[in-house]
Amino acid sequence: MSKKSAEILYAAIIDRILCGEIRSGDVLSEVALAAESGLSRTPVREALQRLRRENVLMPGPRRTLLVRRMRRDEVRGLFEALGEVEGACARLASERMDAAAIEALSRIVDEADAAPEAFNEINIRFHAAIHAGAQNPVLRDVLVDLQLRSLPLRAVQFRLKHDRVATSQAEHRAILAAISARDGARAQALMAEHMAATLAVILQVTPDDAAQPAEGAAGA
């Protein structure tokens, strides 16, 4: 129960930050959040620790946590890097995934048609299956850091822009088709376009003042 409560609070804080309700430089207090949400301090602490690990929060004075905003150029740079690495994984997966792995990937894509409300979790598994199918531990290690920085942003697109599930699902199907056809160049290009489309949506739902870094913010 504590874990589920922490996940719900985590998602709520991300939404409030990207909607501008919680702003760059604001202090997030464990005590205040517990009182506001009606939760015990344990799930609140877990949610805040996760946000700190993902660079959404940064240490402030007197052991406080402050909201950190990535500048728009940082967000663009992050997704440009993701497009390159995810694209390379898609190309390698088209060459290295066996028939059983491709069938498993197809089932993941089909799940999203049956359960669009679970798309964020399905999206994570879709990309993870391609990373595994690339069979390149070095690329997978590079993705660990990029995912840690990008997953909160990637998740919020589905909560704040309702048609993004449908367009992202269509992009997944096109990537799956390219991998199934063993067309590495097309799979790579489509994955890069998928990351570019994600970036475009994130910038649409992020307030203009998110372009400004928090005072004293550390580099991502």
Protein backbone atom coordinates (compact mmCIF):
# COMPACT_ATOMS: atom_id res chain seq x y z
CA MET A 1 0.00 0.00 0.00
CA SER A 2 2.83 2.38 0.88
CA LYS A 3 4.49 1.74 -2.49
CA LYS A 4 1.26 2.38 -4.41
CA SER A 5 0.60 5.57 -2.43
CA ALA A 6 4.14 6.75 -3.14
CA GLU A 7 3.67 6.12 -6.88
CA ILE A 8 0.38 8.05 -6.94
CA LEU A 9 1.92 10.98 -5.09
CA TYR A 10 4.99 10.89 -7.35
CA ALA A 11 2.80 11.14 -10.48
CA ALA A 12 0.72 13.93 -8.93
CA ILE A 13 3.81 16.00 -8.11
CA ILE A 14 5.19 15.55 -11.66
CA ASP A 15 1.86 16.75 -13.09
CA ARG A 16 1.79 19.79 -10.79
CA ILE A 17 5.35 20.74 -11.70
CA LEU A 18 4.84 20.50 -15.45
CA CYS A 19 1.48 22.30 -15.27
CA GLY A 20 3.18 25.15 -13.45
CA GLU A 21 1.25 24.75 -10.19
CA ILE A 22 4.53 23.91 -8.47
CA ARG A 23 7.28 26.18 -9.76
CA SER A 24 11.02 26.12 -10.13
CA GLY A 25 12.62 26.87 -6.79
CA ASP A 26 9.59 25.89 -4.70
CA VAL A 27 10.30 23.93 -1.55
CA LEU A 28 8.63 20.53 -1.18
CA SER A 29 8.09 19.70 2.46
CA GLU A 30 7.58 16.11 3.61
CA VAL A 31 5.41 17.31 6.49
CA ALA A 32 3.27 19.62 4.34
CA LEU A 33 2.77 17.01 1.60
CA ALA A 34 1.77 14.39 4.16
CA ALA A 35 -0.82 16.75 5.64
CA GLU A 36 -2.11 17.81 2.22
CA SER A 37 -2.40 14.28 0.81
CA GLY A 38 -3.56 12.57 3.98
CA LEU A 39 -0.73 10.06 3.67
CA SER A 40 1.76 8.96 6.26
CA ARG A 41 5.26 10.35 5.93
CA THR A 42 6.68 7.02 4.68
CA PRO A 43 5.13 7.10 1.15
CA VAL A 44 5.73 10.86 0.98
CA ARG A 45 9.40 10.31 1.77
CA GLU A 46 9.59 7.53 -0.84
CA ALA A 47 8.06 9.78 -3.52
CA LEU A 48 10.42 12.65 -2.70
CA GLN A 49 13.45 10.37 -2.71
CA ARG A 50 12.48 9.06 -6.15
CA LEU A 51 12.10 12.60 -7.45
CA ARG A 52 15.51 13.46 -6.01
CA ARG A 53 17.14 10.44 -7.69
CA GLU A 54 15.60 11.47 -11.01
CA ASN A 55 16.93 15.04 -10.72
CA VAL A 56 13.43 16.49 -10.51
CA LEU A 57 14.33 17.82 -7.06
CA MET A 58 17.61 19.23 -5.87
CA PRO A 59 19.02 19.85 -2.37
CA GLY A 60 18.20 23.23 -0.91
CA PRO A 61 19.33 25.12 2.15
CA ARG A 62 18.86 23.57 5.59
CA ARG A 63 18.22 20.08 4.18
CA THR A 64 15.20 21.12 2.12
CA LEU A 65 14.33 19.89 -1.38
CA LEU A 66 13.72 22.38 -4.18
CA VAL A 67 11.99 21.83 -7.51
CA ARG A 68 14.42 21.84 -10.40
CA ARG A 69 13.38 22.67 -13.95
CA MET A 70 15.33 21.58 -16.98
CA ARG A 71 15.90 24.35 -19.49
CA ARG A 72 14.36 23.77 -22.89
CA ASP A 73 17.80 23.35 -24.44
CA GLU A 74 18.53 20.63 -21.86
CA VAL A 75 15.28 18.84 -22.71
CA ARG A 76 16.06 19.04 -26.43
CA GLY A 77 19.58 17.74 -25.88
CA LEU A 78 18.27 14.86 -23.79
CA PHE A 79 15.79 13.74 -26.43
CA GLU A 80 18.28 14.17 -29.26
CA ALA A 81 20.54 11.76 -27.38
CA LEU A 82 17.62 9.41 -26.76
CA GLY A 83 16.73 9.47 -30.45
CA GLU A 84 20.25 8.39 -31.37
CA VAL A 85 20.60 5.64 -28.75
CA GLU A 86 17.03 4.33 -28.99
CA GLY A 87 17.35 4.42 -32.79
CA ALA A 88 20.54 2.36 -32.67
CA CYS A 89 18.79 -0.16 -30.43
CA ALA A 90 15.86 -0.43 -32.85
CA ARG A 91 18.25 -1.03 -35.76
CA LEU A 92 20.16 -3.74 -33.89
CA ALA A 93 16.93 -5.31 -32.63
CA SER A 94 15.72 -5.65 -36.23
CA GLU A 95 18.87 -7.65 -36.96
CA ARG A 96 19.13 -9.66 -33.74
CA MET A 97 15.68 -10.36 -32.33
CA ASP A 98 14.51 -13.89 -33.05
CA ALA A 99 10.96 -14.75 -34.08
CA ALA A 100 9.86 -15.41 -30.49
CA ALA A 101 11.17 -12.04 -29.30
CA ILE A 102 9.42 -10.21 -32.14
CA GLU A 103 6.20 -12.03 -31.32
CA ALA A 104 6.56 -10.98 -27.68
CA LEU A 105 7.08 -7.38 -28.82
CA SER A 106 3.95 -7.64 -30.95
CA ARG A 107 1.95 -8.83 -27.95
CA ILE A 108 3.14 -5.80 -25.96
CA VAL A 109 1.91 -3.50 -28.73
CA ASP A 110 -1.43 -5.34 -28.86
CA GLU A 111 -1.86 -4.87 -25.10
CA ALA A 112 -2.02 -1.11 -25.59
CA ASP A 113 -5.07 -1.47 -27.84
CA ALA A 114 -6.85 -3.45 -25.12
CA ALA A 115 -5.71 -1.30 -22.18
CA PRO A 116 -4.90 2.27 -23.27
CA GLU A 117 -5.24 3.43 -19.65
CA ALA A 118 -2.07 1.43 -18.90
CA PHE A 119 -0.15 2.88 -21.82
CA ASN A 120 2.67 4.43 -19.81
CA GLU A 121 3.63 1.07 -18.27
CA ILE A 122 3.20 -0.68 -21.64
CA ASN A 123 5.34 2.00 -23.30
CA ILE A 124 8.17 1.30 -20.84
CA ARG A 125 7.97 -2.43 -21.59
CA PHE A 126 7.90 -1.81 -25.35
CA HIS A 127 11.14 0.15 -25.23
CA ALA A 128 12.72 -2.30 -22.75
CA ALA A 129 11.98 -5.20 -25.11
CA ILE A 130 13.74 -3.39 -27.95
CA HIS A 131 16.71 -2.57 -25.70
CA ALA A 132 16.99 -6.25 -24.77
CA GLY A 133 16.57 -7.28 -28.40
CA ALA A 134 19.50 -5.08 -29.44
CA GLN A 135 21.77 -7.37 -27.37
CA ASN A 136 24.24 -4.60 -26.70
CA PRO A 137 25.09 -4.15 -22.99
CA VAL A 138 27.01 -0.92 -23.64
CA LEU A 139 24.03 0.79 -25.25
CA ARG A 140 21.80 -0.54 -22.47
CA ASP A 141 24.09 1.01 -19.84
CA VAL A 142 24.00 4.35 -21.64
CA LEU A 143 20.21 4.20 -21.64
CA VAL A 144 20.02 3.77 -17.86
CA ASP A 145 21.08 7.38 -17.26
CA LEU A 146 19.04 8.78 -20.15
CA GLN A 147 15.91 6.96 -18.97
CA LEU A 148 16.33 8.15 -15.40
CA ARG A 149 16.28 11.74 -16.64
CA SER A 150 13.56 11.33 -19.25
CA LEU A 151 10.95 8.91 -17.87
CA PRO A 152 9.10 11.52 -15.77
CA LEU A 153 8.82 13.73 -18.86
CA ARG A 154 7.86 10.83 -21.11
CA ALA A 155 5.15 9.70 -18.69
CA VAL A 156 3.50 13.08 -18.34
CA GLN A 157 2.77 13.38 -22.06
CA PHE A 158 0.11 10.68 -21.73
CA ARG A 159 -1.58 12.34 -18.76
CA LEU A 160 -1.63 15.90 -20.09
CA LYS A 161 -2.22 15.37 -23.82
CA HIS A 162 -4.98 12.85 -24.28
CA ASP A 163 -4.46 12.07 -27.98
CA ARG A 164 -0.79 11.23 -27.40
CA VAL A 165 -1.61 7.61 -26.50
CA ALA A 166 -3.12 7.06 -29.96
CA THR A 167 -0.30 8.74 -31.86
CA SER A 168 2.40 7.03 -29.80
CA GLN A 169 0.70 3.67 -30.32
CA ALA A 170 0.69 4.25 -34.08
CA GLU A 171 4.40 5.04 -33.91
CA HIS A 172 5.01 1.83 -31.96
CA ARG A 173 3.18 -0.19 -34.60
CA ALA A 174 5.29 1.33 -37.36
CA ILE A 175 8.50 0.55 -35.45
CA LEU A 176 7.29 -3.01 -34.83
CA ALA A 177 6.56 -3.43 -38.55
CA ALA A 178 10.05 -2.27 -39.48
CA ILE A 179 11.67 -4.60 -36.95
CA SER A 180 9.50 -7.50 -38.15
CA ALA A 181 10.55 -6.75 -41.74
CA ARG A 182 14.23 -6.72 -40.65
CA ASP A 183 14.51 -3.20 -42.04
CA GLY A 184 17.11 -1.76 -39.69
CA ALA A 185 17.44 1.62 -41.37
CA ARG A 186 13.69 2.22 -41.26
CA ALA A 187 13.42 1.01 -37.66
CA GLN A 188 16.18 3.42 -36.63
CA ALA A 189 14.62 6.35 -38.48
CA LEU A 190 11.15 5.67 -37.08
CA MET A 191 12.48 5.43 -33.54
CA ALA A 192 14.30 8.74 -33.93
CA GLU A 193 11.05 10.29 -35.21
CA HIS A 194 9.20 8.76 -32.26
CA MET A 195 11.57 10.47 -29.81
CA ALA A 196 11.24 13.75 -31.73
CA ALA A 197 7.45 13.52 -31.54
CA THR A 198 7.67 12.86 -27.81
CA LEU A 199 9.86 15.94 -27.37
CA ALA A 200 7.40 18.06 -29.34
CA VAL A 201 4.53 16.98 -27.10
CA ILE A 202 6.53 17.57 -23.91
CA LEU A 203 7.38 21.10 -25.02
CA GLN A 204 3.70 21.73 -25.83
CA VAL A 205 2.50 20.74 -22.35
CA THR A 206 5.35 22.40 -20.46
CA PRO A 207 4.78 26.02 -19.41
CA ASP A 208 6.97 28.66 -21.04
CA ASP A 209 8.64 29.50 -17.75
CA ALA A 210 9.96 25.92 -17.57
CA ALA A 211 12.66 27.19 -19.91
CA GLN A 212 14.19 28.97 -16.93
CA PRO A 213 16.49 26.98 -14.64
CA ALA A 214 16.09 27.05 -10.89
CA GLU A 215 18.57 29.23 -9.07
CA GLY A 216 21.64 27.21 -8.27
CA ALA A 217 20.41 24.21 -10.28
CA ALA A 218 23.02 21.59 -10.90
CA GLY A 219 23.62 20.21 -14.38
CA ALA A 220 21.44 17.22 -15.39
